[in-house]
Amino acid sequence: MTETDVTGVPRTPAGIHAWLVERVALYLKRPAADIDPDTSLTENGLDSVYAHTLCADIEDTLGVYLEPPQLWDLDTVTKLTAYLADQTG
């Protein structure tokens, strides 16, 4: 059985990855298929306002506190997924 939090996001790398791609796509008003998980978040179009929003969503959804500078250090959806999966696993 897959662990899922109360928000319905599976706490697996695949579940976290899919959720992150959907969040970034939502903020950028683009289809999820247009988000390259291996391209930097800034190159994908994420700005500082949405970085703060994403950090808040991560905390609300996954229970992991993350500051925007940490988000920029992790840089991509793929790296962020690995970090969050480790923190929630």
N, C-alpha and C. Protein backbone atom coordinates (compact mmCIF):
# COMPACT_ATOMS: atom_id res chain seq x y z
N MET A 1 0.85 -1.18 0.00
CA MET A 1 0.00 0.00 0.00
C MET A 1 0.89 1.24 0.00
N THR A 2 0.51 2.26 -0.75
CA THR A 2 1.26 3.51 -0.84
C THR A 2 0.80 4.46 0.25
N GLU A 3 1.79 5.05 0.93
CA GLU A 3 1.43 6.06 1.93
C GLU A 3 0.95 7.32 1.22
N THR A 4 -0.18 7.82 1.67
CA THR A 4 -0.74 9.04 1.11
C THR A 4 -1.11 9.94 2.28
N ASP A 5 -0.81 11.24 2.15
CA ASP A 5 -1.18 12.14 3.23
C ASP A 5 -2.64 12.54 3.08
N VAL A 6 -3.12 13.37 3.98
CA VAL A 6 -4.53 13.76 3.97
C VAL A 6 -4.91 14.55 2.72
N THR A 7 -3.93 15.11 2.01
CA THR A 7 -4.23 15.86 0.80
C THR A 7 -4.35 14.95 -0.42
N GLY A 8 -4.02 13.68 -0.26
CA GLY A 8 -4.12 12.75 -1.37
C GLY A 8 -2.87 12.64 -2.22
N VAL A 9 -1.79 13.32 -1.84
CA VAL A 9 -0.54 13.23 -2.59
C VAL A 9 0.23 12.01 -2.08
N PRO A 10 0.48 11.03 -2.96
CA PRO A 10 1.26 9.87 -2.52
C PRO A 10 2.66 10.30 -2.09
N ARG A 11 3.11 9.79 -0.97
CA ARG A 11 4.44 10.15 -0.45
C ARG A 11 5.48 9.19 -1.02
N THR A 12 5.49 9.14 -2.33
CA THR A 12 6.49 8.37 -3.07
C THR A 12 7.19 9.35 -3.98
N PRO A 13 8.40 9.01 -4.45
CA PRO A 13 9.05 9.92 -5.38
C PRO A 13 8.17 10.24 -6.60
N ALA A 14 7.51 9.23 -7.15
CA ALA A 14 6.66 9.47 -8.33
C ALA A 14 5.48 10.38 -7.99
N GLY A 15 4.86 10.16 -6.84
CA GLY A 15 3.72 11.00 -6.44
C GLY A 15 4.13 12.43 -6.17
N ILE A 16 5.26 12.60 -5.49
CA ILE A 16 5.76 13.95 -5.20
C ILE A 16 6.15 14.65 -6.50
N HIS A 17 6.81 13.91 -7.38
CA HIS A 17 7.23 14.48 -8.67
C HIS A 17 6.03 14.98 -9.47
N ALA A 18 5.01 14.13 -9.58
CA ALA A 18 3.81 14.51 -10.33
C ALA A 18 3.15 15.74 -9.71
N TRP A 19 3.07 15.78 -8.39
CA TRP A 19 2.47 16.92 -7.70
C TRP A 19 3.26 18.20 -7.95
N LEU A 20 4.60 18.11 -7.88
CA LEU A 20 5.43 19.30 -8.12
C LEU A 20 5.27 19.82 -9.54
N VAL A 21 5.28 18.92 -10.51
CA VAL A 21 5.10 19.34 -11.91
C VAL A 21 3.75 20.03 -12.07
N GLU A 22 2.70 19.47 -11.49
CA GLU A 22 1.37 20.08 -11.58
C GLU A 22 1.34 21.46 -10.92
N ARG A 23 1.99 21.61 -9.76
CA ARG A 23 2.02 22.90 -9.06
C ARG A 23 2.73 23.95 -9.91
N VAL A 24 3.91 23.60 -10.42
CA VAL A 24 4.68 24.55 -11.23
C VAL A 24 3.88 24.92 -12.48
N ALA A 25 3.28 23.94 -13.11
CA ALA A 25 2.46 24.21 -14.31
C ALA A 25 1.30 25.14 -13.97
N LEU A 26 0.66 24.92 -12.83
CA LEU A 26 -0.45 25.77 -12.41
C LEU A 26 0.01 27.21 -12.23
N TYR A 27 1.12 27.41 -11.53
CA TYR A 27 1.63 28.77 -11.30
C TYR A 27 1.97 29.47 -12.61
N LEU A 28 2.54 28.71 -13.55
CA LEU A 28 2.99 29.31 -14.81
C LEU A 28 1.91 29.33 -15.88
N LYS A 29 0.74 28.77 -15.54
CA LYS A 29 -0.39 28.71 -16.48
C LYS A 29 0.03 28.03 -17.79
N ARG A 30 0.69 26.89 -17.62
CA ARG A 30 1.15 26.10 -18.75
C ARG A 30 0.74 24.65 -18.53
N PRO A 31 0.66 23.87 -19.60
CA PRO A 31 0.37 22.44 -19.42
C PRO A 31 1.53 21.76 -18.68
N ALA A 32 1.21 20.79 -17.87
CA ALA A 32 2.25 20.06 -17.14
C ALA A 32 3.28 19.44 -18.08
N ALA A 33 2.83 19.03 -19.26
CA ALA A 33 3.74 18.44 -20.24
C ALA A 33 4.83 19.41 -20.70
N ASP A 34 4.59 20.71 -20.53
CA ASP A 34 5.57 21.72 -20.93
C ASP A 34 6.62 21.99 -19.86
N ILE A 35 6.47 21.41 -18.69
CA ILE A 35 7.43 21.62 -17.60
C ILE A 35 8.51 20.56 -17.69
N ASP A 36 9.75 21.00 -17.92
CA ASP A 36 10.88 20.08 -17.98
C ASP A 36 11.43 19.91 -16.57
N PRO A 37 11.32 18.72 -16.00
CA PRO A 37 11.75 18.52 -14.62
C PRO A 37 13.26 18.61 -14.41
N ASP A 38 14.02 18.57 -15.49
CA ASP A 38 15.48 18.65 -15.37
C ASP A 38 16.03 20.01 -15.77
N THR A 39 15.15 20.95 -16.08
CA THR A 39 15.54 22.33 -16.36
C THR A 39 15.33 23.13 -15.09
N SER A 40 16.18 24.12 -14.86
CA SER A 40 16.05 24.90 -13.62
C SER A 40 14.67 25.52 -13.52
N LEU A 41 14.25 25.70 -12.29
CA LEU A 41 12.93 26.29 -12.05
C LEU A 41 12.83 27.68 -12.66
N THR A 42 13.91 28.46 -12.59
CA THR A 42 13.87 29.80 -13.18
C THR A 42 13.79 29.74 -14.69
N GLU A 43 14.51 28.80 -15.31
CA GLU A 43 14.42 28.66 -16.76
C GLU A 43 13.03 28.18 -17.17
N ASN A 44 12.38 27.42 -16.33
CA ASN A 44 10.99 27.02 -16.59
C ASN A 44 10.05 28.21 -16.45
N GLY A 45 10.50 29.27 -15.75
CA GLY A 45 9.68 30.48 -15.62
C GLY A 45 9.24 30.82 -14.22
N LEU A 46 9.66 30.03 -13.22
CA LEU A 46 9.25 30.30 -11.84
C LEU A 46 9.98 31.54 -11.32
N ASP A 47 9.24 32.47 -10.73
CA ASP A 47 9.85 33.67 -10.16
C ASP A 47 9.79 33.62 -8.64
N SER A 48 10.30 34.66 -8.00
CA SER A 48 10.39 34.66 -6.54
C SER A 48 9.03 34.62 -5.85
N VAL A 49 8.03 35.25 -6.45
CA VAL A 49 6.69 35.21 -5.86
C VAL A 49 6.18 33.77 -5.82
N TYR A 50 6.31 33.08 -6.93
CA TYR A 50 5.84 31.70 -6.98
C TYR A 50 6.75 30.76 -6.19
N ALA A 51 8.01 31.13 -6.01
CA ALA A 51 8.89 30.33 -5.15
C ALA A 51 8.37 30.32 -3.72
N HIS A 52 7.96 31.49 -3.23
CA HIS A 52 7.38 31.56 -1.89
C HIS A 52 6.08 30.75 -1.81
N THR A 53 5.27 30.86 -2.85
CA THR A 53 4.01 30.11 -2.90
C THR A 53 4.27 28.61 -2.91
N LEU A 54 5.24 28.18 -3.71
CA LEU A 54 5.56 26.76 -3.77
C LEU A 54 6.08 26.26 -2.42
N CYS A 55 6.92 27.04 -1.77
CA CYS A 55 7.42 26.65 -0.44
C CYS A 55 6.27 26.47 0.54
N ALA A 56 5.31 27.39 0.50
CA ALA A 56 4.14 27.28 1.39
C ALA A 56 3.31 26.06 1.05
N ASP A 57 3.13 25.79 -0.24
CA ASP A 57 2.36 24.61 -0.66
C ASP A 57 3.05 23.32 -0.24
N ILE A 58 4.38 23.30 -0.34
CA ILE A 58 5.14 22.13 0.09
C ILE A 58 4.94 21.88 1.58
N GLU A 59 5.01 22.95 2.36
CA GLU A 59 4.81 22.80 3.80
C GLU A 59 3.39 22.34 4.12
N ASP A 60 2.40 22.96 3.48
CA ASP A 60 1.00 22.61 3.73
C ASP A 60 0.67 21.19 3.30
N THR A 61 1.24 20.77 2.18
CA THR A 61 0.88 19.48 1.60
C THR A 61 1.74 18.33 2.12
N LEU A 62 3.05 18.58 2.23
CA LEU A 62 3.97 17.50 2.59
C LEU A 62 4.54 17.63 4.00
N GLY A 63 4.30 18.79 4.62
CA GLY A 63 4.81 18.98 5.97
C GLY A 63 6.30 19.25 6.06
N VAL A 64 6.89 19.67 4.95
CA VAL A 64 8.33 19.96 4.91
C VAL A 64 8.51 21.46 4.78
N TYR A 65 9.18 22.06 5.76
CA TYR A 65 9.46 23.50 5.72
C TYR A 65 10.65 23.73 4.81
N LEU A 66 10.47 24.65 3.87
CA LEU A 66 11.51 24.94 2.89
C LEU A 66 11.53 26.44 2.66
N GLU A 67 12.69 27.04 2.69
CA GLU A 67 12.87 28.47 2.40
C GLU A 67 13.15 28.63 0.91
N PRO A 68 12.75 29.75 0.29
CA PRO A 68 13.04 29.96 -1.12
C PRO A 68 14.51 29.78 -1.50
N PRO A 69 15.49 30.23 -0.68
CA PRO A 69 16.89 29.97 -1.08
C PRO A 69 17.20 28.47 -1.23
N GLN A 70 16.57 27.64 -0.40
CA GLN A 70 16.75 26.19 -0.54
C GLN A 70 16.15 25.71 -1.85
N LEU A 71 15.02 26.28 -2.21
CA LEU A 71 14.36 25.93 -3.46
C LEU A 71 15.28 26.23 -4.64
N TRP A 72 15.90 27.40 -4.63
CA TRP A 72 16.80 27.78 -5.72
C TRP A 72 18.05 26.90 -5.71
N ASP A 73 18.51 26.48 -4.53
CA ASP A 73 19.68 25.60 -4.46
C ASP A 73 19.37 24.23 -5.06
N LEU A 74 18.17 23.74 -4.82
CA LEU A 74 17.78 22.45 -5.37
C LEU A 74 17.55 22.54 -6.88
N ASP A 75 17.06 23.69 -7.34
CA ASP A 75 17.09 24.12 -8.74
C ASP A 75 16.13 23.46 -9.73
N THR A 76 15.87 22.17 -9.63
CA THR A 76 15.00 21.51 -10.61
C THR A 76 13.92 20.71 -9.89
N VAL A 77 12.88 20.38 -10.61
CA VAL A 77 11.83 19.53 -10.05
C VAL A 77 12.41 18.17 -9.66
N THR A 78 13.31 17.65 -10.46
CA THR A 78 13.91 16.35 -10.17
C THR A 78 14.69 16.37 -8.86
N LYS A 79 15.53 17.38 -8.67
CA LYS A 79 16.32 17.48 -7.43
C LYS A 79 15.42 17.77 -6.23
N LEU A 80 14.42 18.60 -6.44
CA LEU A 80 13.48 18.92 -5.37
C LEU A 80 12.69 17.67 -4.96
N THR A 81 12.30 16.87 -5.94
CA THR A 81 11.60 15.62 -5.66
C THR A 81 12.44 14.70 -4.78
N ALA A 82 13.71 14.54 -5.13
CA ALA A 82 14.59 13.66 -4.36
C ALA A 82 14.71 14.15 -2.92
N TYR A 83 14.88 15.46 -2.75
CA TYR A 83 15.00 16.04 -1.42
C TYR A 83 13.72 15.81 -0.61
N LEU A 84 12.58 16.11 -1.21
CA LEU A 84 11.31 15.97 -0.49
C LEU A 84 10.98 14.51 -0.19
N ALA A 85 11.29 13.62 -1.11
CA ALA A 85 11.05 12.19 -0.87
C ALA A 85 11.90 11.72 0.31
N ASP A 86 13.12 12.21 0.41
CA ASP A 86 13.98 11.86 1.53
C ASP A 86 13.43 12.41 2.85
N GLN A 87 12.92 13.63 2.81
CA GLN A 87 12.39 14.27 4.01
C GLN A 87 11.08 13.65 4.48
N THR A 88 10.29 13.15 3.56
CA THR A 88 8.98 12.61 3.92
C THR A 88 8.99 11.09 4.08
N GLY A 89 10.07 10.46 3.60
CA GLY A 89 10.15 9.00 3.62
C GLY A 89 10.43 8.49 4.95
